[in-house]
Amino acid sequence: MEERTLSLLAEQIGQLHAQTQRAAAQQVNYWLTVRNWLIGWHIAEYEQGGSDRAEYGERLCRSWRGSCTASKGSQNGDFTSAASFTGPTR
């Protein structure tokens, strides 16, 4: 009888772990999407500040790749697609 109770407890803990792990992954995905959208918005706003800034913004994205490689979770600092993520703002 004690083994059945222990087995049920282990199963419930396993289910709880799986549910909370899924919820955590969904939240991480949500906040990474928000982060990428905001980065893209900032880049697009900066690029649209003037034609010279658009060219400079393109060069800036390339240079970020080198300087952001140490950022945890930034996929090697490649934010070049983040600006297209938001689409045109004007």
PDB file of N, CA and C in Angstrom:
ATOM      1  N   MET A   1       0.807  -1.188   0.000  1.00  0.00           N
ATOM      2  CA  MET A   1       0.000   0.000   0.000  1.00  0.00           C
ATOM      3  C   MET A   1       0.860   1.265   0.000  1.00  0.00           C
ATOM      4  N   GLU A   2       1.919   1.255   0.779  1.00  0.00           N
ATOM      5  CA  GLU A   2       2.823   2.409   0.840  1.00  0.00           C
ATOM      6  C   GLU A   2       3.485   2.646  -0.517  1.00  0.00           C
ATOM      7  N   GLU A   3       3.819   1.583  -1.233  1.00  0.00           N
ATOM      8  CA  GLU A   3       4.464   1.701  -2.538  1.00  0.00           C
ATOM      9  C   GLU A   3       3.524   2.345  -3.549  1.00  0.00           C
ATOM     10  N   ARG A   4       2.244   2.026  -3.496  1.00  0.00           N
ATOM     11  CA  ARG A   4       1.269   2.642  -4.386  1.00  0.00           C
ATOM     12  C   ARG A   4       1.185   4.145  -4.141  1.00  0.00           C
ATOM     13  N   THR A   5       1.174   4.539  -2.923  1.00  0.00           N
ATOM     14  CA  THR A   5       1.107   5.952  -2.577  1.00  0.00           C
ATOM     15  C   THR A   5       2.366   6.672  -3.050  1.00  0.00           C
ATOM     16  N   LEU A   6       3.494   6.055  -2.870  1.00  0.00           N
ATOM     17  CA  LEU A   6       4.755   6.634  -3.317  1.00  0.00           C
ATOM     18  C   LEU A   6       4.787   6.719  -4.844  1.00  0.00           C
ATOM     19  N   SER A   7       4.281   5.705  -5.508  1.00  0.00           N
ATOM     20  CA  SER A   7       4.221   5.696  -6.963  1.00  0.00           C
ATOM     21  C   SER A   7       3.303   6.801  -7.469  1.00  0.00           C
ATOM     22  N   LEU A   8       2.161   6.998  -6.818  1.00  0.00           N
ATOM     23  CA  LEU A   8       1.235   8.062  -7.199  1.00  0.00           C
ATOM     24  C   LEU A   8       1.867   9.431  -6.980  1.00  0.00           C
ATOM     25  N   LEU A   9       2.557   9.602  -5.879  1.00  0.00           N
ATOM     26  CA  LEU A   9       3.242  10.854  -5.586  1.00  0.00           C
ATOM     27  C   LEU A   9       4.280  11.161  -6.664  1.00  0.00           C
ATOM     28  N   ALA A  10       5.055  10.160  -7.037  1.00  0.00           N
ATOM     29  CA  ALA A  10       6.078  10.354  -8.072  1.00  0.00           C
ATOM     30  C   ALA A  10       5.435  10.730  -9.403  1.00  0.00           C
ATOM     31  N   GLU A  11       4.308  10.125  -9.738  1.00  0.00           N
ATOM     32  CA  GLU A  11       3.607  10.438 -10.988  1.00  0.00           C
ATOM     33  C   GLU A  11       3.073  11.875 -10.970  1.00  0.00           C
ATOM     34  N   GLN A  12       2.501  12.278  -9.847  1.00  0.00           N
ATOM     35  CA  GLN A  12       1.981  13.639  -9.728  1.00  0.00           C
ATOM     36  C   GLN A  12       3.098  14.676  -9.825  1.00  0.00           C
ATOM     37  N   ILE A  13       4.206  14.390  -9.199  1.00  0.00           N
ATOM     38  CA  ILE A  13       5.353  15.304  -9.277  1.00  0.00           C
ATOM     39  C   ILE A  13       5.859  15.389 -10.718  1.00  0.00           C
ATOM     40  N   GLY A  14       5.903  14.259 -11.408  1.00  0.00           N
ATOM     41  CA  GLY A  14       6.328  14.250 -12.806  1.00  0.00           C
ATOM     42  C   GLY A  14       5.398  15.072 -13.685  1.00  0.00           C
ATOM     43  N   GLN A  15       4.084  14.955 -13.460  1.00  0.00           N
ATOM     44  CA  GLN A  15       3.116  15.733 -14.231  1.00  0.00           C
ATOM     45  C   GLN A  15       3.246  17.229 -13.936  1.00  0.00           C
ATOM     46  N   LEU A  16       3.417  17.544 -12.669  1.00  0.00           N
ATOM     47  CA  LEU A  16       3.609  18.944 -12.280  1.00  0.00           C
ATOM     48  C   LEU A  16       4.849  19.531 -12.942  1.00  0.00           C
ATOM     49  N   HIS A  17       5.911  18.765 -12.938  1.00  0.00           N
ATOM     50  CA  HIS A  17       7.152  19.218 -13.570  1.00  0.00           C
ATOM     51  C   HIS A  17       6.937  19.468 -15.061  1.00  0.00           C
ATOM     52  N   ALA A  18       6.282  18.536 -15.744  1.00  0.00           N
ATOM     53  CA  ALA A  18       6.059  18.674 -17.190  1.00  0.00           C
ATOM     54  C   ALA A  18       5.198  19.896 -17.500  1.00  0.00           C
ATOM     55  N   GLN A  19       4.153  20.113 -16.720  1.00  0.00           N
ATOM     56  CA  GLN A  19       3.265  21.257 -16.953  1.00  0.00           C
ATOM     57  C   GLN A  19       3.986  22.587 -16.727  1.00  0.00           C
ATOM     58  N   THR A  20       4.718  22.673 -15.649  1.00  0.00           N
ATOM     59  CA  THR A  20       5.411  23.931 -15.358  1.00  0.00           C
ATOM     60  C   THR A  20       6.567  24.178 -16.321  1.00  0.00           C
ATOM     61  N   GLN A  21       7.190  23.114 -16.786  1.00  0.00           N
ATOM     62  CA  GLN A  21       8.263  23.272 -17.766  1.00  0.00           C
ATOM     63  C   GLN A  21       7.705  23.802 -19.084  1.00  0.00           C
ATOM     64  N   ARG A  22       6.552  23.297 -19.509  1.00  0.00           N
ATOM     65  CA  ARG A  22       5.907  23.799 -20.735  1.00  0.00           C
ATOM     66  C   ARG A  22       5.537  25.270 -20.578  1.00  0.00           C
ATOM     67  N   ALA A  23       4.974  25.617 -19.424  1.00  0.00           N
ATOM     68  CA  ALA A  23       4.577  27.011 -19.179  1.00  0.00           C
ATOM     69  C   ALA A  23       5.804  27.927 -19.191  1.00  0.00           C
ATOM     70  N   ALA A  24       6.883  27.482 -18.601  1.00  0.00           N
ATOM     71  CA  ALA A  24       8.108  28.288 -18.589  1.00  0.00           C
ATOM     72  C   ALA A  24       8.644  28.486 -20.003  1.00  0.00           C
ATOM     73  N   ALA A  25       8.626  27.437 -20.802  1.00  0.00           N
ATOM     74  CA  ALA A  25       9.109  27.540 -22.186  1.00  0.00           C
ATOM     75  C   ALA A  25       8.244  28.513 -22.987  1.00  0.00           C
ATOM     76  N   GLN A  26       6.938  28.492 -22.755  1.00  0.00           N
ATOM     77  CA  GLN A  26       6.051  29.421 -23.456  1.00  0.00           C
ATOM     78  C   GLN A  26       6.346  30.866 -23.068  1.00  0.00           C
ATOM     79  N   GLN A  27       6.610  31.097 -21.796  1.00  0.00           N
ATOM     80  CA  GLN A  27       6.927  32.451 -21.345  1.00  0.00           C
ATOM     81  C   GLN A  27       8.258  32.936 -21.928  1.00  0.00           C
ATOM     82  N   VAL A  28       9.239  32.056 -21.958  1.00  0.00           N
ATOM     83  CA  VAL A  28      10.535  32.420 -22.544  1.00  0.00           C
ATOM     84  C   VAL A  28      10.345  32.772 -24.015  1.00  0.00           C
ATOM     85  N   ASN A  29       9.583  31.966 -24.740  1.00  0.00           N
ATOM     86  CA  ASN A  29       9.329  32.234 -26.151  1.00  0.00           C
ATOM     87  C   ASN A  29       8.622  33.574 -26.322  1.00  0.00           C
ATOM     88  N   TYR A  30       7.639  33.846 -25.482  1.00  0.00           N
ATOM     89  CA  TYR A  30       6.910  35.112 -25.547  1.00  0.00           C
ATOM     90  C   TYR A  30       7.854  36.305 -25.366  1.00  0.00           C
ATOM     91  N   TRP A  31       8.675  36.256 -24.326  1.00  0.00           N
ATOM     92  CA  TRP A  31       9.557  37.394 -24.033  1.00  0.00           C
ATOM     93  C   TRP A  31      10.673  37.537 -25.052  1.00  0.00           C
ATOM     94  N   LEU A  32      11.136  36.434 -25.643  1.00  0.00           N
ATOM     95  CA  LEU A  32      12.125  36.544 -26.722  1.00  0.00           C
ATOM     96  C   LEU A  32      11.490  37.202 -27.946  1.00  0.00           C
ATOM     97  N   THR A  33      10.236  36.885 -28.212  1.00  0.00           N
ATOM     98  CA  THR A  33       9.526  37.520 -29.323  1.00  0.00           C
ATOM     99  C   THR A  33       9.357  39.012 -29.069  1.00  0.00           C
ATOM    100  N   VAL A  34       8.977  39.377 -27.849  1.00  0.00           N
ATOM    101  CA  VAL A  34       8.849  40.793 -27.492  1.00  0.00           C
ATOM    102  C   VAL A  34      10.193  41.502 -27.645  1.00  0.00           C
ATOM    103  N   ARG A  35      11.253  40.868 -27.147  1.00  0.00           N
ATOM    104  CA  ARG A  35      12.586  41.456 -27.256  1.00  0.00           C
ATOM    105  C   ARG A  35      12.950  41.694 -28.720  1.00  0.00           C
ATOM    106  N   ASN A  36      12.741  40.682 -29.567  1.00  0.00           N
ATOM    107  CA  ASN A  36      13.102  40.809 -30.979  1.00  0.00           C
ATOM    108  C   ASN A  36      12.271  41.887 -31.666  1.00  0.00           C
ATOM    109  N   TRP A  37      10.984  41.968 -31.327  1.00  0.00           N
ATOM    110  CA  TRP A  37      10.140  42.989 -31.926  1.00  0.00           C
ATOM    111  C   TRP A  37      10.633  44.376 -31.526  1.00  0.00           C
ATOM    112  N   LEU A  38      10.954  44.558 -30.249  1.00  0.00           N
ATOM    113  CA  LEU A  38      11.432  45.868 -29.786  1.00  0.00           C
ATOM    114  C   LEU A  38      12.777  46.240 -30.393  1.00  0.00           C
ATOM    115  N   ILE A  39      13.668  45.272 -30.506  1.00  0.00           N
ATOM    116  CA  ILE A  39      14.960  45.539 -31.160  1.00  0.00           C
ATOM    117  C   ILE A  39      14.716  45.975 -32.600  1.00  0.00           C
ATOM    118  N   GLY A  40      13.848  45.254 -33.282  1.00  0.00           N
ATOM    119  CA  GLY A  40      13.522  45.602 -34.669  1.00  0.00           C
ATOM    120  C   GLY A  40      12.894  46.975 -34.786  1.00  0.00           C
ATOM    121  N   TRP A  41      12.024  47.305 -33.856  1.00  0.00           N
ATOM    122  CA  TRP A  41      11.381  48.611 -33.872  1.00  0.00           C
ATOM    123  C   TRP A  41      12.420  49.716 -33.696  1.00  0.00           C
ATOM    124  N   HIS A  42      13.325  49.530 -32.739  1.00  0.00           N
ATOM    125  CA  HIS A  42      14.375  50.537 -32.520  1.00  0.00           C
ATOM    126  C   HIS A  42      15.263  50.689 -33.750  1.00  0.00           C
ATOM    127  N   ILE A  43      15.627  49.569 -34.356  1.00  0.00           N
ATOM    128  CA  ILE A  43      16.477  49.622 -35.554  1.00  0.00           C
ATOM    129  C   ILE A  43      15.738  50.332 -36.686  1.00  0.00           C
ATOM    130  N   ALA A  44      14.460  49.965 -36.909  1.00  0.00           N
ATOM    131  CA  ALA A  44      13.690  50.586 -37.989  1.00  0.00           C
ATOM    132  C   ALA A  44      13.524  52.080 -37.757  1.00  0.00           C
ATOM    133  N   GLU A  45      13.235  52.495 -36.542  1.00  0.00           N
ATOM    134  CA  GLU A  45      13.108  53.914 -36.235  1.00  0.00           C
ATOM    135  C   GLU A  45      14.420  54.642 -36.492  1.00  0.00           C
ATOM    136  N   TYR A  46      15.510  54.028 -36.092  1.00  0.00           N
ATOM    137  CA  TYR A  46      16.813  54.654 -36.302  1.00  0.00           C
ATOM    138  C   TYR A  46      17.126  54.749 -37.795  1.00  0.00           C
ATOM    139  N   GLU A  47      16.866  53.669 -38.522  1.00  0.00           N
ATOM    140  CA  GLU A  47      17.163  53.654 -39.955  1.00  0.00           C
ATOM    141  C   GLU A  47      16.317  54.662 -40.711  1.00  0.00           C
ATOM    142  N   GLN A  48      15.104  54.894 -40.282  1.00  0.00           N
ATOM    143  CA  GLN A  48      14.210  55.787 -41.009  1.00  0.00           C
ATOM    144  C   GLN A  48      14.381  57.245 -40.611  1.00  0.00           C
ATOM    145  N   GLY A  49      15.375  57.512 -39.775  1.00  0.00           N
ATOM    146  CA  GLY A  49      15.631  58.885 -39.360  1.00  0.00           C
ATOM    147  C   GLY A  49      16.259  59.732 -40.451  1.00  0.00           C
ATOM    148  N   GLY A  50      16.646  59.178 -41.549  1.00  0.00           N
ATOM    149  CA  GLY A  50      17.269  59.887 -42.663  1.00  0.00           C
ATOM    150  C   GLY A  50      17.922  58.892 -43.587  1.00  0.00           C
ATOM    151  N   SER A  51      18.112  59.277 -44.847  1.00  0.00           N
ATOM    152  CA  SER A  51      18.676  58.342 -45.820  1.00  0.00           C
ATOM    153  C   SER A  51      20.101  57.948 -45.458  1.00  0.00           C
ATOM    154  N   ASP A  52      20.875  58.918 -44.925  1.00  0.00           N
ATOM    155  CA  ASP A  52      22.229  58.576 -44.516  1.00  0.00           C
ATOM    156  C   ASP A  52      22.194  57.611 -43.339  1.00  0.00           C
ATOM    157  N   ARG A  53      21.184  57.742 -42.501  1.00  0.00           N
ATOM    158  CA  ARG A  53      21.060  56.831 -41.366  1.00  0.00           C
ATOM    159  C   ARG A  53      20.680  55.427 -41.822  1.00  0.00           C
ATOM    160  N   ALA A  54      19.909  55.294 -42.895  1.00  0.00           N
ATOM    161  CA  ALA A  54      19.539  53.970 -43.392  1.00  0.00           C
ATOM    162  C   ALA A  54      20.783  53.192 -43.813  1.00  0.00           C
ATOM    163  N   GLU A  55      21.669  53.849 -44.526  1.00  0.00           N
ATOM    164  CA  GLU A  55      22.916  53.189 -44.927  1.00  0.00           C
ATOM    165  C   GLU A  55      23.772  52.883 -43.702  1.00  0.00           C
ATOM    166  N   TYR A  56      23.834  53.838 -42.794  1.00  0.00           N
ATOM    167  CA  TYR A  56      24.612  53.640 -41.581  1.00  0.00           C
ATOM    168  C   TYR A  56      24.017  52.503 -40.747  1.00  0.00           C
ATOM    169  N   GLY A  57      22.685  52.428 -40.691  1.00  0.00           N
ATOM    170  CA  GLY A  57      22.020  51.371 -39.936  1.00  0.00           C
ATOM    171  C   GLY A  57      22.358  49.988 -40.457  1.00  0.00           C
ATOM    172  N   GLU A  58      22.456  49.868 -41.771  1.00  0.00           N
ATOM    173  CA  GLU A  58      22.828  48.583 -42.358  1.00  0.00           C
ATOM    174  C   GLU A  58      24.246  48.191 -41.948  1.00  0.00           C
ATOM    175  N   ARG A  59      25.153  49.153 -42.006  1.00  0.00           N
ATOM    176  CA  ARG A  59      26.530  48.879 -41.566  1.00  0.00           C
ATOM    177  C   ARG A  59      26.576  48.580 -40.076  1.00  0.00           C
ATOM    178  N   LEU A  60      25.751  49.293 -39.316  1.00  0.00           N
ATOM    179  CA  LEU A  60      25.715  49.100 -37.872  1.00  0.00           C
ATOM    180  C   LEU A  60      25.270  47.681 -37.518  1.00  0.00           C
ATOM    181  N   CYS A  61      24.265  47.175 -38.214  1.00  0.00           N
ATOM    182  CA  CYS A  61      23.794  45.803 -37.959  1.00  0.00           C
ATOM    183  C   CYS A  61      24.914  44.799 -38.192  1.00  0.00           C
ATOM    184  N   ARG A  62      25.686  45.023 -39.235  1.00  0.00           N
ATOM    185  CA  ARG A  62      26.802  44.105 -39.498  1.00  0.00           C
ATOM    186  C   ARG A  62      27.848  44.179 -38.392  1.00  0.00           C
ATOM    187  N   SER A  63      28.103  45.394 -37.890  1.00  0.00           N
ATOM    188  CA  SER A  63      29.115  45.522 -36.840  1.00  0.00           C
ATOM    189  C   SER A  63      28.623  44.971 -35.507  1.00  0.00           C
ATOM    190  N   TRP A  64      27.315  45.006 -35.268  1.00  0.00           N
ATOM    191  CA  TRP A  64      26.757  44.440 -34.035  1.00  0.00           C
ATOM    192  C   TRP A  64      27.029  42.957 -33.937  1.00  0.00           C
ATOM    193  N   ARG A  65      27.034  42.311 -35.085  1.00  0.00           N
ATOM    194  CA  ARG A  65      27.261  40.871 -35.093  1.00  0.00           C
ATOM    195  C   ARG A  65      28.543  40.529 -34.341  1.00  0.00           C
ATOM    196  N   GLY A  66      29.566  41.344 -34.524  1.00  0.00           N
ATOM    197  CA  GLY A  66      30.832  41.087 -33.836  1.00  0.00           C
ATOM    198  C   GLY A  66      30.806  41.483 -32.371  1.00  0.00           C
ATOM    199  N   SER A  67      30.138  42.596 -32.072  1.00  0.00           N
ATOM    200  CA  SER A  67      30.175  43.086 -30.693  1.00  0.00           C
ATOM    201  C   SER A  67      29.146  42.421 -29.786  1.00  0.00           C
ATOM    202  N   CYS A  68      28.148  41.780 -30.343  1.00  0.00           N
ATOM    203  CA  CYS A  68      27.095  41.163 -29.529  1.00  0.00           C
ATOM    204  C   CYS A  68      27.237  39.651 -29.410  1.00  0.00           C
ATOM    205  N   THR A  69      28.303  39.094 -29.915  1.00  0.00           N
ATOM    206  CA  THR A  69      28.433  37.637 -29.889  1.00  0.00           C
ATOM    207  C   THR A  69      28.485  37.091 -28.471  1.00  0.00           C
ATOM    208  N   ALA A  70      28.906  37.920 -27.522  1.00  0.00           N
ATOM    209  CA  ALA A  70      28.994  37.448 -26.144  1.00  0.00           C
ATOM    210  C   ALA A  70      27.650  37.516 -25.423  1.00  0.00           C
ATOM    211  N   SER A  71      26.632  38.138 -26.044  1.00  0.00           N
ATOM    212  CA  SER A  71      25.322  38.251 -25.405  1.00  0.00           C
ATOM    213  C   SER A  71      24.659  36.884 -25.320  1.00  0.00           C
ATOM    214  N   LYS A  72      24.258  36.535 -24.138  1.00  0.00           N
ATOM    215  CA  LYS A  72      23.634  35.235 -23.917  1.00  0.00           C
ATOM    216  C   LYS A  72      22.279  35.191 -24.629  1.00  0.00           C
ATOM    217  N   GLY A  73      22.067  34.202 -25.468  1.00  0.00           N
ATOM    218  CA  GLY A  73      20.795  34.010 -26.140  1.00  0.00           C
ATOM    219  C   GLY A  73      20.579  34.888 -27.356  1.00  0.00           C
ATOM    220  N   SER A  74      21.613  35.552 -27.851  1.00  0.00           N
ATOM    221  CA  SER A  74      21.421  36.456 -28.978  1.00  0.00           C
ATOM    222  C   SER A  74      21.729  35.797 -30.318  1.00  0.00           C
ATOM    223  N   GLN A  75      21.911  34.509 -30.323  1.00  0.00           N
ATOM    224  CA  GLN A  75      22.223  33.770 -31.547  1.00  0.00           C
ATOM    225  C   GLN A  75      23.364  34.432 -32.296  1.00  0.00           C
ATOM    226  N   ASN A  76      24.486  34.505 -31.640  1.00  0.00           N
ATOM    227  CA  ASN A  76      25.719  35.066 -32.190  1.00  0.00           C
ATOM    228  C   ASN A  76      25.597  36.538 -32.542  1.00  0.00           C
ATOM    229  N   GLY A  77      24.693  37.254 -31.880  1.00  0.00           N
ATOM    230  CA  GLY A  77      24.589  38.687 -32.093  1.00  0.00           C
ATOM    231  C   GLY A  77      24.016  39.080 -33.433  1.00  0.00           C
ATOM    232  N   ASP A  78      23.339  38.183 -34.116  1.00  0.00           N
ATOM    233  CA  ASP A  78      22.794  38.499 -35.429  1.00  0.00           C
ATOM    234  C   ASP A  78      21.401  39.094 -35.279  1.00  0.00           C
ATOM    235  N   PHE A  79      21.332  40.432 -35.221  1.00  0.00           N
ATOM    236  CA  PHE A  79      20.060  41.126 -35.098  1.00  0.00           C
ATOM    237  C   PHE A  79      19.640  41.743 -36.428  1.00  0.00           C
ATOM    238  N   THR A  80      20.270  41.369 -37.522  1.00  0.00           N
ATOM    239  CA  THR A  80      19.969  42.009 -38.801  1.00  0.00           C
ATOM    240  C   THR A  80      18.540  41.752 -39.243  1.00  0.00           C
ATOM    241  N   SER A  81      17.975  40.616 -38.891  1.00  0.00           N
ATOM    242  CA  SER A  81      16.604  40.332 -39.299  1.00  0.00           C
ATOM    243  C   SER A  81      15.585  40.953 -38.353  1.00  0.00           C
ATOM    244  N   ALA A  82      16.035  41.487 -37.233  1.00  0.00           N
ATOM    245  CA  ALA A  82      15.101  42.046 -36.259  1.00  0.00           C
ATOM    246  C   ALA A  82      14.378  43.258 -36.822  1.00  0.00           C
ATOM    247  N   ALA A  83      15.045  44.063 -37.643  1.00  0.00           N
ATOM    248  CA  ALA A  83      14.399  45.235 -38.209  1.00  0.00           C
ATOM    249  C   ALA A  83      13.262  44.855 -39.148  1.00  0.00           C
ATOM    250  N   SER A  84      13.409  43.779 -39.888  1.00  0.00           N
ATOM    251  CA  SER A  84      12.344  43.351 -40.800  1.00  0.00           C
ATOM    252  C   SER A  84      11.225  42.646 -40.059  1.00  0.00           C
ATOM    253  N   PHE A  85      11.470  42.247 -38.818  1.00  0.00           N
ATOM    254  CA  PHE A  85      10.471  41.544 -38.014  1.00  0.00           C
ATOM    255  C   PHE A  85       9.255  42.435 -37.759  1.00  0.00           C
ATOM    256  N   THR A  86       9.476  43.731 -37.559  1.00  0.00           N
ATOM    257  CA  THR A  86       8.395  44.642 -37.224  1.00  0.00           C
ATOM    258  C   THR A  86       7.693  45.182 -38.472  1.00  0.00           C
ATOM    259  N   GLY A  87       8.343  45.129 -39.602  1.00  0.00           N
ATOM    260  CA  GLY A  87       7.775  45.711 -40.815  1.00  0.00           C
ATOM    261  C   GLY A  87       7.941  47.226 -40.806  1.00  0.00           C
ATOM    262  N   PRO A  88       7.492  47.882 -41.860  1.00  0.00           N
ATOM    263  CA  PRO A  88       7.641  49.333 -41.932  1.00  0.00           C
ATOM    264  C   PRO A  88       6.792  50.014 -40.865  1.00  0.00           C
ATOM    265  N   THR A  89       7.354  51.046 -40.245  1.00  0.00           N
ATOM    266  CA  THR A  89       6.620  51.763 -39.211  1.00  0.00           C
ATOM    267  C   THR A  89       6.090  53.101 -39.724  1.00  0.00           C
ATOM    268  N   ARG A  90       6.516  53.513 -40.872  1.00  0.00           N
ATOM    269  CA  ARG A  90       6.021  54.783 -41.437  1.00  0.00           C
ATOM    270  C   ARG A  90       5.573  54.591 -42.848  1.00  0.00           C
TER     271      ARG A  90
END
